[in-house]
């Protein structure tokens, strides 16, 4: 008989769609990781030979330059944490959130580093100025262990915390990631708010305001996800 097809088992079809979706997410994540690693390598190579400072560019010690440098570092850790948790859980909601954060912040980091290139400014602050010094008196809050444990700016996780995240599995990894990323977003929001009020480059101010809105929205989502897991943000 022509024009007929074999009936498809709904369970089999659903499984095939799930497998395709997982493969797509994995492939996209790998591509993003390669893109991110390549951008980081190029940025690192350029740090040694900064371009001549562009006419009308922000000063090296300006809020514009400080925010671009510091938020690039801040975003790099968010991407790292998101890739860690992606391999420690099968929960689709957490994996989707981690992918969104990694994708968004890797792209924003590329923009920030690109502006520093455009301005002819180094990507690492010179002298003895600590990270977030451009924010003024309210910008220097750090982790209790200081930068000795890899914590450079407010909200960033310590090396010990990243190592612990990499050892956890399942719901324990989900909860700890959500707690770490909540702290991370709070620090990021404070930095972005400071740039929105202190930076002078309009496009950078717009990006900072967009960061505030996006990360505040994700803070609400992460709070709800922690509640679903009978947990809460860290004090």
Protein backbone atom coordinates (compact mmCIF):
# COMPACT_ATOMS: atom_id res chain seq x y z
CA UNK A 1 0.00 0.00 0.00
CA UNK A 2 1.32 3.43 -0.92
CA UNK A 3 1.00 6.68 1.02
CA UNK A 4 1.21 5.04 4.45
CA UNK A 5 3.90 5.17 7.11
CA UNK A 6 4.66 3.09 10.13
CA UNK A 7 3.15 4.53 13.36
CA UNK A 8 5.68 6.22 15.60
CA UNK A 9 5.88 5.39 19.27
CA UNK A 10 5.35 8.72 21.18
CA UNK A 11 7.87 7.68 23.82
CA UNK A 12 10.46 6.95 21.16
CA UNK A 13 9.82 10.28 19.47
CA UNK A 14 10.12 12.15 22.74
CA UNK A 15 13.36 10.36 23.53
CA UNK A 16 14.77 11.25 20.12
CA UNK A 17 13.83 14.91 20.59
CA UNK A 18 15.41 14.92 24.05
CA UNK A 19 18.60 13.34 22.69
CA UNK A 20 18.77 15.89 19.86
CA UNK A 21 18.22 18.73 22.31
CA UNK A 22 20.96 17.49 24.63
CA UNK A 23 23.36 17.07 21.70
CA UNK A 24 22.55 20.59 20.51
CA UNK A 25 23.13 22.07 23.95
CA UNK A 26 26.37 20.17 24.35
CA UNK A 27 27.58 21.22 20.92
CA UNK A 28 26.63 24.83 21.52
CA UNK A 29 28.40 24.81 24.87
CA UNK A 30 31.55 23.35 23.34
CA UNK A 31 31.47 25.95 20.59
CA UNK A 32 31.03 28.69 23.15
CA UNK A 33 33.91 27.34 25.21
CA UNK A 34 36.17 27.32 22.15
CA UNK A 35 35.08 30.83 21.20
CA UNK A 36 35.63 32.05 24.74
CA UNK A 37 39.03 30.40 24.99
CA UNK A 38 40.07 31.86 21.65
CA UNK A 39 38.96 35.33 22.61
CA UNK A 40 40.79 35.06 25.91
CA UNK A 41 43.95 33.92 24.16
CA UNK A 42 43.80 36.80 21.70
CA UNK A 43 43.10 39.27 24.49
CA UNK A 44 45.98 37.92 26.53
CA UNK A 45 48.35 38.16 23.58
CA UNK A 46 47.34 41.76 23.02
CA UNK A 47 47.89 42.80 26.62
CA UNK A 48 51.64 42.96 26.12
CA UNK A 49 51.41 45.33 23.17
CA UNK A 50 48.52 47.78 23.69
CA UNK A 51 47.54 49.91 20.72
CA UNK A 52 48.25 53.64 20.82
CA UNK A 53 45.64 55.42 22.89
CA UNK A 54 42.83 56.66 20.68
CA UNK A 55 42.00 60.35 20.54
CA UNK A 56 39.15 61.17 22.90
CA UNK A 57 39.38 57.78 24.62
CA UNK A 58 38.76 57.50 28.37
CA UNK A 59 41.77 57.89 30.64
CA UNK A 60 43.45 54.69 31.88
CA UNK A 61 42.28 55.44 35.45
CA UNK A 62 38.73 56.40 34.45
CA UNK A 63 35.56 54.64 35.56
CA UNK A 64 35.01 53.57 31.94
CA UNK A 65 38.36 51.79 31.75
CA UNK A 66 38.15 50.39 35.28
CA UNK A 67 34.69 48.97 34.74
CA UNK A 68 35.69 47.37 31.43
CA UNK A 69 38.73 45.69 32.99
CA UNK A 70 37.08 44.57 36.22
CA UNK A 71 33.80 43.39 34.75
CA UNK A 72 35.69 41.36 32.13
CA UNK A 73 37.41 39.47 34.97
CA UNK A 74 34.15 39.19 36.92
CA UNK A 75 32.33 37.77 33.88
CA UNK A 76 35.12 35.29 33.19
CA UNK A 77 34.47 33.57 36.52
CA UNK A 78 30.70 33.45 35.92
CA UNK A 79 31.36 31.64 32.64
CA UNK A 80 33.72 29.23 34.40
CA UNK A 81 31.20 28.41 37.15
CA UNK A 82 28.44 27.88 34.58
CA UNK A 83 30.49 25.36 32.64
CA UNK A 84 31.37 23.54 35.85
CA UNK A 85 27.75 23.08 36.92
CA UNK A 86 26.72 22.05 33.41
CA UNK A 87 28.71 18.85 33.91
CA UNK A 88 27.57 18.28 37.50
CA UNK A 89 23.79 18.13 37.03
CA UNK A 90 21.15 16.76 34.66
CA UNK A 91 18.53 19.32 35.71
CA UNK A 92 17.40 21.09 32.52
CA UNK A 93 16.39 24.34 34.27
CA UNK A 94 19.79 24.76 35.92
CA UNK A 95 21.63 23.79 32.74
CA UNK A 96 19.55 26.27 30.74
CA UNK A 97 20.25 29.06 33.24
CA UNK A 98 23.96 28.23 33.23
CA UNK A 99 24.06 28.28 29.44
CA UNK A 100 22.25 31.63 29.30
CA UNK A 101 24.62 33.18 31.84
CA UNK A 102 27.71 31.79 30.09
CA UNK A 103 26.55 32.92 26.67
CA UNK A 104 25.51 36.41 27.78
CA UNK A 105 28.55 37.12 29.91
CA UNK A 106 31.05 35.74 27.40
CA UNK A 107 29.58 38.05 24.76
CA UNK A 108 29.62 41.04 27.12
CA UNK A 109 33.20 40.26 28.12
CA UNK A 110 34.19 40.34 24.47
CA UNK A 111 32.60 43.77 24.11
CA UNK A 112 34.41 45.13 27.17
CA UNK A 113 37.80 43.85 26.00
CA UNK A 114 37.07 45.15 22.52
CA UNK A 115 36.45 48.65 23.86
CA UNK A 116 39.76 48.59 25.71
CA UNK A 117 41.45 47.64 22.42
CA UNK A 118 39.58 50.40 20.61
CA UNK A 119 40.64 52.93 23.24
CA UNK A 120 44.24 51.74 23.16
CA UNK A 121 44.18 50.93 26.87
CA UNK A 122 45.78 47.95 28.63
CA UNK A 123 43.48 45.20 29.86
CA UNK A 124 45.27 45.01 33.21
CA UNK A 125 45.44 48.03 35.51
CA UNK A 126 48.92 49.31 36.20
CA UNK A 127 50.39 50.53 39.45
CA UNK A 128 49.11 49.57 42.88
CA UNK A 129 45.43 50.36 42.30
CA UNK A 130 43.31 47.43 43.53
CA UNK A 131 40.36 46.13 41.51
CA UNK A 132 37.21 48.28 41.81
CA UNK A 133 39.22 51.33 42.92
CA UNK A 134 37.38 53.30 40.21
CA UNK A 135 34.16 52.86 42.23
CA UNK A 136 35.48 55.02 45.05
CA UNK A 137 35.24 54.22 48.76
CA UNK A 138 32.43 51.71 48.29
CA UNK A 139 34.16 49.58 45.70
CA UNK A 140 36.82 47.68 47.56
CA UNK A 141 34.79 45.08 49.44
CA UNK A 142 36.40 41.67 49.15
CA UNK A 143 35.98 38.13 50.38
CA UNK A 144 37.13 37.48 53.94
CA UNK A 145 40.18 35.62 52.64
CA UNK A 146 41.15 38.49 50.33
CA UNK A 147 42.83 37.83 47.03
CA UNK A 148 45.05 35.16 48.62
CA UNK A 149 42.27 32.70 47.79
CA UNK A 150 41.66 34.06 44.31
CA UNK A 151 38.94 36.55 45.28
CA UNK A 152 39.60 39.85 43.54
CA UNK A 153 36.23 41.58 43.65
CA UNK A 154 32.91 41.62 45.47
CA UNK A 155 30.78 38.57 44.82
CA UNK A 156 33.52 36.46 43.28
CA UNK A 157 33.96 32.89 44.47
CA UNK A 158 37.19 31.71 46.04
CA UNK A 159 39.35 28.99 44.54
CA UNK A 160 38.24 26.67 47.34
CA UNK A 161 34.58 27.32 46.48
CA UNK A 162 35.17 26.60 42.79
CA UNK A 163 36.93 23.35 43.71
CA UNK A 164 34.03 22.38 45.95
CA UNK A 165 31.51 23.09 43.17
CA UNK A 166 33.50 20.80 40.87
CA UNK A 167 33.24 17.96 43.42
CA UNK A 168 29.47 18.16 44.00
CA UNK A 169 26.79 16.39 41.99
CA UNK A 170 23.07 16.66 41.41
CA UNK A 171 21.01 18.87 43.68
CA UNK A 172 23.97 19.70 45.90
CA UNK A 173 25.81 21.13 42.89
CA UNK A 174 22.67 22.98 41.79
CA UNK A 175 22.17 24.63 45.17
CA UNK A 176 25.81 25.63 45.59
CA UNK A 177 25.97 27.02 42.05
CA UNK A 178 22.81 29.06 42.61
CA UNK A 179 24.22 30.40 45.88
CA UNK A 180 27.59 31.27 44.35
CA UNK A 181 25.99 32.89 41.31
CA UNK A 182 23.61 34.87 43.51
CA UNK A 183 26.60 36.35 45.35
CA UNK A 184 28.33 36.89 42.00
CA UNK A 185 25.34 38.73 40.50
CA UNK A 186 24.98 40.95 43.55
CA UNK A 187 28.60 42.03 43.18
CA UNK A 188 28.13 42.48 39.43
CA UNK A 189 25.00 44.59 39.89
CA UNK A 190 26.84 46.91 42.29
CA UNK A 191 29.64 47.36 39.75
CA UNK A 192 27.23 47.95 36.86
CA UNK A 193 25.24 50.49 38.87
CA UNK A 194 28.48 52.34 39.63
CA UNK A 195 29.35 52.45 35.92
CA UNK A 196 25.86 53.63 35.01
CA UNK A 197 26.39 56.65 37.26
CA UNK A 198 30.16 57.21 36.82
CA UNK A 199 31.05 56.13 33.28
CA UNK A 200 31.03 58.74 30.51
CA UNK A 201 30.90 56.60 27.35
CA UNK A 202 27.17 56.35 26.44
CA UNK A 203 27.34 52.86 24.93
CA UNK A 204 29.12 51.54 28.02
CA UNK A 205 26.54 53.16 30.29
CA UNK A 206 23.78 51.47 28.29
CA UNK A 207 25.50 48.11 28.60
CA UNK A 208 25.88 48.64 32.36
CA UNK A 209 22.18 49.46 32.76
CA UNK A 210 21.31 46.37 30.74
CA UNK A 211 23.51 44.28 33.05
CA UNK A 212 21.67 45.63 36.09
CA UNK A 213 18.27 44.75 34.64
CA UNK A 214 19.31 41.33 33.38
CA UNK A 215 21.13 40.23 36.51
CA UNK A 216 18.40 41.49 38.84
CA UNK A 217 15.91 39.41 36.87
CA UNK A 218 18.17 36.37 37.17
CA UNK A 219 18.55 37.00 40.91
CA UNK A 220 14.78 36.61 41.29
CA UNK A 221 14.82 33.44 39.20
CA UNK A 222 17.68 31.95 41.23
CA UNK A 223 15.93 32.79 44.49
CA UNK A 224 12.87 30.86 43.29
CA UNK A 225 15.02 27.93 42.14
CA UNK A 226 16.70 27.79 45.55
CA UNK A 227 13.28 27.82 47.26
CA UNK A 228 12.20 24.86 45.09
CA UNK A 229 15.22 23.01 46.47
CA UNK A 230 14.44 24.02 50.08
CA UNK A 231 17.49 26.29 50.16
CA UNK A 232 18.14 30.00 50.22
CA UNK A 233 20.87 32.49 49.28
CA UNK A 234 23.83 32.67 51.60
CA UNK A 235 23.78 35.46 54.20
